[in-house]
């Protein structure tokens, strides 16, 4: 697939939606754009470029394909157990709300996972509660997240003791209880776009940021830029959680180090002192 043609398409998407994919990993972009070429019945990338210009909804479909949200409640449960055991008790012991941001929230399962753990930690701690914003590039995924309604099969990974507190039956599916759903502000935002944090964010600095399995879409330079931005919204001693298979670039080690006591590979980092 010729990259100059793909670059033209990505530039068009940036102009239409304000989301810039041009520094994402090229092999991933090529593979996922090709899937839209096939799905639309276009003969090649040039034909798809023409189709994209005339079909406004296809821009959103392409964005959905490029980000491909893969998520579930308590995905990689052992990493969340580490977070719950090592980090959240310390944050909840303070006499202040925990300020959290979930990046790449997709359809919301990860944001609600963290929200459940924060609610539980707050009840065990000082009871100061938490404030959370969750963001994603994809508008349609965020609509699902805001509704908080999921297929019954989504309940498989949810701990039995948490399910009755935070879920209700909803026809053939399950629904997040309003008392938890209303605690999260969902917003469309590009981590490496012009705005450092979502406009809807009510704080300038966070105690914990989850950015799991987002950095793997970026090339090395964009990954370093993203981590520098995250360092800018985390106070020294605050926590960043990345995917357990994601590696911290060498230049970002001046901003972050592994969280003391957390299992290796859990992806739990702490913001270094400046």
Protein backbone atom coordinates (compact mmCIF):
# COMPACT_ATOMS: atom_id res chain seq x y z
CA UNK A 1 0.00 0.00 0.00
CA UNK A 2 1.64 3.29 -1.10
CA UNK A 3 2.34 5.40 1.99
CA UNK A 4 1.95 8.79 0.21
CA UNK A 5 -1.68 7.90 -0.62
CA UNK A 6 -2.28 6.75 2.93
CA UNK A 7 -0.71 9.98 4.20
CA UNK A 8 -3.18 11.97 2.09
CA UNK A 9 -6.04 10.04 3.67
CA UNK A 10 -4.73 10.61 7.18
CA UNK A 11 -4.32 14.32 6.45
CA UNK A 12 -7.94 14.45 5.28
CA UNK A 13 -9.07 12.71 8.51
CA UNK A 14 -7.07 15.23 10.54
CA UNK A 15 -8.70 18.13 8.72
CA UNK A 16 -12.21 16.70 9.14
CA UNK A 17 -12.03 15.39 12.72
CA UNK A 18 -8.94 17.02 14.26
CA UNK A 19 -7.36 13.62 14.98
CA UNK A 20 -3.85 13.17 13.61
CA UNK A 21 -2.79 9.57 12.96
CA UNK A 22 0.19 10.46 10.78
CA UNK A 23 2.83 9.52 13.37
CA UNK A 24 1.17 6.25 14.33
CA UNK A 25 2.97 3.03 13.40
CA UNK A 26 2.92 2.66 9.63
CA UNK A 27 2.45 -1.11 9.48
CA UNK A 28 -0.62 -0.86 11.74
CA UNK A 29 -2.07 2.02 9.71
CA UNK A 30 -1.57 0.19 6.42
CA UNK A 31 -3.16 -3.02 7.66
CA UNK A 32 -6.22 -1.36 9.15
CA UNK A 33 -6.78 1.06 6.28
CA UNK A 34 -6.65 -1.89 3.89
CA UNK A 35 -9.47 -3.53 5.82
CA UNK A 36 -11.66 -0.48 5.08
CA UNK A 37 -10.67 -0.62 1.40
CA UNK A 38 -11.98 -4.19 1.28
CA UNK A 39 -15.08 -3.45 3.38
CA UNK A 40 -16.16 -0.62 1.07
CA UNK A 41 -15.57 -2.62 -2.10
CA UNK A 42 -13.01 -0.17 -3.41
CA UNK A 43 -10.47 -1.54 -5.85
CA UNK A 44 -7.46 0.19 -4.33
CA UNK A 45 -6.36 2.97 -1.99
CA UNK A 46 -6.83 5.68 -4.63
CA UNK A 47 -10.46 4.63 -5.11
CA UNK A 48 -10.93 4.55 -1.35
CA UNK A 49 -9.54 8.08 -1.02
CA UNK A 50 -12.19 9.32 -3.47
CA UNK A 51 -14.89 7.36 -1.64
CA UNK A 52 -13.84 8.81 1.71
CA UNK A 53 -14.27 12.36 0.45
CA UNK A 54 -17.85 11.73 -0.67
CA UNK A 55 -19.09 9.56 2.26
CA UNK A 56 -19.06 11.54 5.52
CA UNK A 57 -19.83 8.52 7.72
CA UNK A 58 -16.85 6.61 6.34
CA UNK A 59 -14.49 9.00 8.14
CA UNK A 60 -15.91 7.80 11.47
CA UNK A 61 -15.73 4.16 10.35
CA UNK A 62 -12.08 4.60 9.40
CA UNK A 63 -11.28 6.18 12.78
CA UNK A 64 -13.01 3.28 14.55
CA UNK A 65 -10.90 0.83 12.54
CA UNK A 66 -7.65 2.66 13.18
CA UNK A 67 -8.11 2.69 16.96
CA UNK A 68 -9.79 -0.75 17.23
CA UNK A 69 -11.00 -0.66 20.85
CA UNK A 70 -10.18 -3.95 22.59
CA UNK A 71 -11.35 -3.84 26.17
CA UNK A 72 -13.19 -5.72 28.89
CA UNK A 73 -13.88 -5.42 32.60
CA UNK A 74 -10.77 -6.27 34.67
CA UNK A 75 -8.71 -7.07 31.58
CA UNK A 76 -5.36 -8.49 32.77
CA UNK A 77 -6.91 -8.85 36.22
CA UNK A 78 -3.59 -9.46 37.99
CA UNK A 79 -2.38 -5.98 37.06
CA UNK A 80 -5.49 -4.43 38.61
CA UNK A 81 -4.95 -6.54 41.73
CA UNK A 82 -1.47 -5.05 41.98
CA UNK A 83 -2.90 -1.56 41.57
CA UNK A 84 -5.55 -2.24 44.21
CA UNK A 85 -3.05 -3.74 46.65
CA UNK A 86 -0.05 -1.43 46.23
CA UNK A 87 -1.31 1.95 45.10
CA UNK A 88 -4.94 2.68 45.90
CA UNK A 89 -4.72 2.29 49.70
CA UNK A 90 -2.05 4.99 49.78
CA UNK A 91 -4.09 7.35 47.60
CA UNK A 92 -7.27 6.69 49.58
CA UNK A 93 -5.56 7.39 52.91
CA UNK A 94 -5.23 11.07 52.06
CA UNK A 95 -7.92 13.52 53.06
CA UNK A 96 -8.62 14.52 49.45
CA UNK A 97 -10.48 13.07 46.46
CA UNK A 98 -8.42 10.86 44.16
CA UNK A 99 -8.13 12.52 40.75
CA UNK A 100 -8.04 9.98 37.91
CA UNK A 101 -7.83 10.01 34.12
CA UNK A 102 -8.36 6.95 31.90
CA UNK A 103 -6.98 7.40 28.37
CA UNK A 104 -8.13 5.19 25.49
CA UNK A 105 -11.30 4.36 27.42
CA UNK A 106 -13.02 2.86 24.34
CA UNK A 107 -16.48 1.63 25.37
CA UNK A 108 -15.81 2.29 29.05
CA UNK A 109 -15.09 -1.08 30.64
CA UNK A 110 -11.63 -0.09 31.87
CA UNK A 111 -12.86 3.25 33.23
CA UNK A 112 -15.62 1.52 35.17
CA UNK A 113 -13.13 -1.09 36.39
CA UNK A 114 -10.95 1.62 37.90
CA UNK A 115 -14.01 3.46 39.22
CA UNK A 116 -15.13 0.35 41.11
CA UNK A 117 -11.71 -0.07 42.66
CA UNK A 118 -11.52 3.61 43.57
CA UNK A 119 -14.97 3.48 45.17
CA UNK A 120 -13.96 0.43 47.20
CA UNK A 121 -10.64 1.97 48.22
CA UNK A 122 -12.40 5.18 49.28
CA UNK A 123 -14.77 3.25 51.52
CA UNK A 124 -11.81 1.52 53.17
CA UNK A 125 -9.83 4.78 53.47
CA UNK A 126 -10.87 8.25 54.45
CA UNK A 127 -13.99 8.23 52.30
CA UNK A 128 -12.95 11.32 50.35
CA UNK A 129 -14.06 9.74 47.07
CA UNK A 130 -12.70 10.32 43.61
CA UNK A 131 -13.04 12.42 40.48
CA UNK A 132 -12.58 10.76 37.10
CA UNK A 133 -12.44 11.74 33.47
CA UNK A 134 -12.18 9.08 30.75
CA UNK A 135 -11.28 9.92 27.15
CA UNK A 136 -11.05 8.30 23.76
CA UNK A 137 -10.69 9.28 20.10
CA UNK A 138 -13.79 7.44 18.96
CA UNK A 139 -17.12 9.24 19.41
CA UNK A 140 -19.26 6.11 18.95
CA UNK A 141 -17.35 4.15 21.57
CA UNK A 142 -17.83 7.01 24.02
CA UNK A 143 -21.59 6.89 23.46
CA UNK A 144 -21.57 3.26 24.62
CA UNK A 145 -19.41 4.19 27.60
CA UNK A 146 -21.76 6.98 28.69
CA UNK A 147 -24.77 4.65 28.51
CA UNK A 148 -23.01 2.01 30.63
CA UNK A 149 -25.04 -0.89 29.21
CA UNK A 150 -23.26 -4.09 28.14
CA UNK A 151 -24.03 -7.66 27.04
CA UNK A 152 -24.49 -10.16 29.85
CA UNK A 153 -21.33 -11.95 28.69
CA UNK A 154 -19.29 -8.89 29.69
CA UNK A 155 -19.80 -9.84 33.35
CA UNK A 156 -17.44 -12.82 33.13
CA UNK A 157 -14.36 -11.05 34.51
CA UNK A 158 -16.09 -9.01 37.20
CA UNK A 159 -15.31 -10.15 40.79
CA UNK A 160 -18.38 -11.71 42.40
CA UNK A 161 -18.27 -9.42 45.41
CA UNK A 162 -18.36 -6.28 43.22
CA UNK A 163 -21.09 -7.27 40.79
CA UNK A 164 -24.16 -6.73 43.04
CA UNK A 165 -22.87 -3.33 44.19
CA UNK A 166 -22.17 -1.86 40.77
CA UNK A 167 -24.39 -3.65 38.24
CA UNK A 168 -28.07 -4.23 37.55
CA UNK A 169 -29.83 -6.42 35.00
CA UNK A 170 -30.97 -4.55 31.91
CA UNK A 171 -33.10 -6.76 29.66
CA UNK A 172 -30.71 -9.34 28.25
CA UNK A 173 -27.67 -7.35 29.38
CA UNK A 174 -26.16 -5.59 32.39
CA UNK A 175 -26.04 -1.92 33.35
CA UNK A 176 -23.66 0.13 35.51
CA UNK A 177 -25.51 1.60 38.49
CA UNK A 178 -26.12 5.32 38.16
CA UNK A 179 -24.25 6.13 41.36
CA UNK A 180 -21.03 4.92 39.68
CA UNK A 181 -21.80 5.90 36.09
CA UNK A 182 -22.48 9.50 37.08
CA UNK A 183 -19.05 9.78 38.71
CA UNK A 184 -17.25 9.59 35.36
CA UNK A 185 -17.00 12.36 32.77
CA UNK A 186 -16.46 10.86 29.30
CA UNK A 187 -14.81 13.12 26.71
CA UNK A 188 -13.42 12.90 23.19
CA UNK A 189 -9.72 13.72 23.25
CA UNK A 190 -6.50 13.00 21.38
CA UNK A 191 -3.58 12.45 23.75
CA UNK A 192 -1.08 13.77 21.21
CA UNK A 193 -3.36 16.46 19.76
CA UNK A 194 -3.28 20.20 20.47
CA UNK A 195 -4.87 19.98 23.94
CA UNK A 196 -2.85 18.54 26.82
CA UNK A 197 -5.94 17.29 28.66
CA UNK A 198 -9.66 17.18 27.80
CA UNK A 199 -11.42 20.52 28.13
CA UNK A 200 -13.92 18.79 30.40
CA UNK A 201 -11.21 18.00 32.97
CA UNK A 202 -11.85 19.87 36.20
CA UNK A 203 -8.29 19.56 37.49
CA UNK A 204 -4.90 20.38 36.02
CA UNK A 205 -3.03 17.49 37.65
CA UNK A 206 -3.97 13.88 38.37
CA UNK A 207 -3.08 11.37 41.06
CA UNK A 208 -3.43 8.40 38.73
CA UNK A 209 -3.56 8.04 34.95
CA UNK A 210 -4.35 4.82 33.12
CA UNK A 211 -2.96 4.74 29.58
CA UNK A 212 -2.95 1.02 28.90
CA UNK A 213 -2.28 -0.39 25.43
CA UNK A 214 -2.36 3.06 23.83
CA UNK A 215 1.36 3.72 23.41
CA UNK A 216 1.82 0.60 21.29
CA UNK A 217 0.05 2.38 18.42
CA UNK A 218 2.68 5.15 18.34
CA UNK A 219 6.10 5.26 16.76
CA UNK A 220 9.08 5.93 19.04
CA UNK A 221 9.00 9.72 18.71
CA UNK A 222 5.26 9.98 19.33
CA UNK A 223 5.52 7.59 22.28
CA UNK A 224 8.13 9.84 23.90
CA UNK A 225 5.94 12.89 23.25
CA UNK A 226 2.92 11.18 24.83
CA UNK A 227 4.87 10.21 27.94
CA UNK A 228 6.27 13.72 28.30
CA UNK A 229 2.69 15.03 28.17
CA UNK A 230 1.58 12.55 30.80
CA UNK A 231 4.46 13.61 33.00
CA UNK A 232 3.09 17.13 32.68
CA UNK A 233 -0.28 16.22 34.20
CA UNK A 234 1.10 14.06 37.02
CA UNK A 235 2.52 15.45 40.23
CA UNK A 236 5.73 13.89 41.55
CA UNK A 237 4.75 10.66 43.28
CA UNK A 238 1.59 10.25 41.17
CA UNK A 239 0.98 7.01 39.30
CA UNK A 240 0.88 6.08 35.61
CA UNK A 241 -0.32 2.66 34.53
CA UNK A 242 0.59 1.43 31.03
CA UNK A 243 -0.03 -1.94 29.39
CA UNK A 244 1.92 -4.83 30.87
CA UNK A 245 3.46 -5.55 27.44
CA UNK A 246 4.41 -1.91 26.77
CA UNK A 247 7.97 -0.77 27.33
CA UNK A 248 9.06 2.58 28.74
CA UNK A 249 11.36 4.35 26.23
CA UNK A 250 14.80 5.16 27.63
CA UNK A 251 14.32 8.92 27.32
CA UNK A 252 11.16 8.69 29.45
CA UNK A 253 12.98 7.16 32.40
CA UNK A 254 13.80 10.67 33.60
CA UNK A 255 10.06 11.14 34.17
CA UNK A 256 8.99 7.70 35.45
CA UNK A 257 10.28 4.72 37.36
CA UNK A 258 8.65 1.40 38.36
CA UNK A 259 6.33 1.72 41.33
CA UNK A 260 8.11 0.44 44.47
CA UNK A 261 6.97 -3.06 45.42
CA UNK A 262 4.76 -3.62 42.36
CA UNK A 263 5.34 -6.83 40.42
CA UNK A 264 7.61 -6.52 37.41
CA UNK A 265 5.62 -6.22 34.23
CA UNK A 266 2.51 -4.82 35.88
CA UNK A 267 3.02 -1.55 34.04
CA UNK A 268 2.66 0.55 37.22
CA UNK A 269 4.97 3.56 37.20
CA UNK A 270 5.50 6.50 39.51
CA UNK A 271 6.28 10.07 38.48
CA UNK A 272 9.80 10.95 39.54
CA UNK A 273 10.63 14.07 41.48
CA UNK A 274 11.50 16.88 39.05
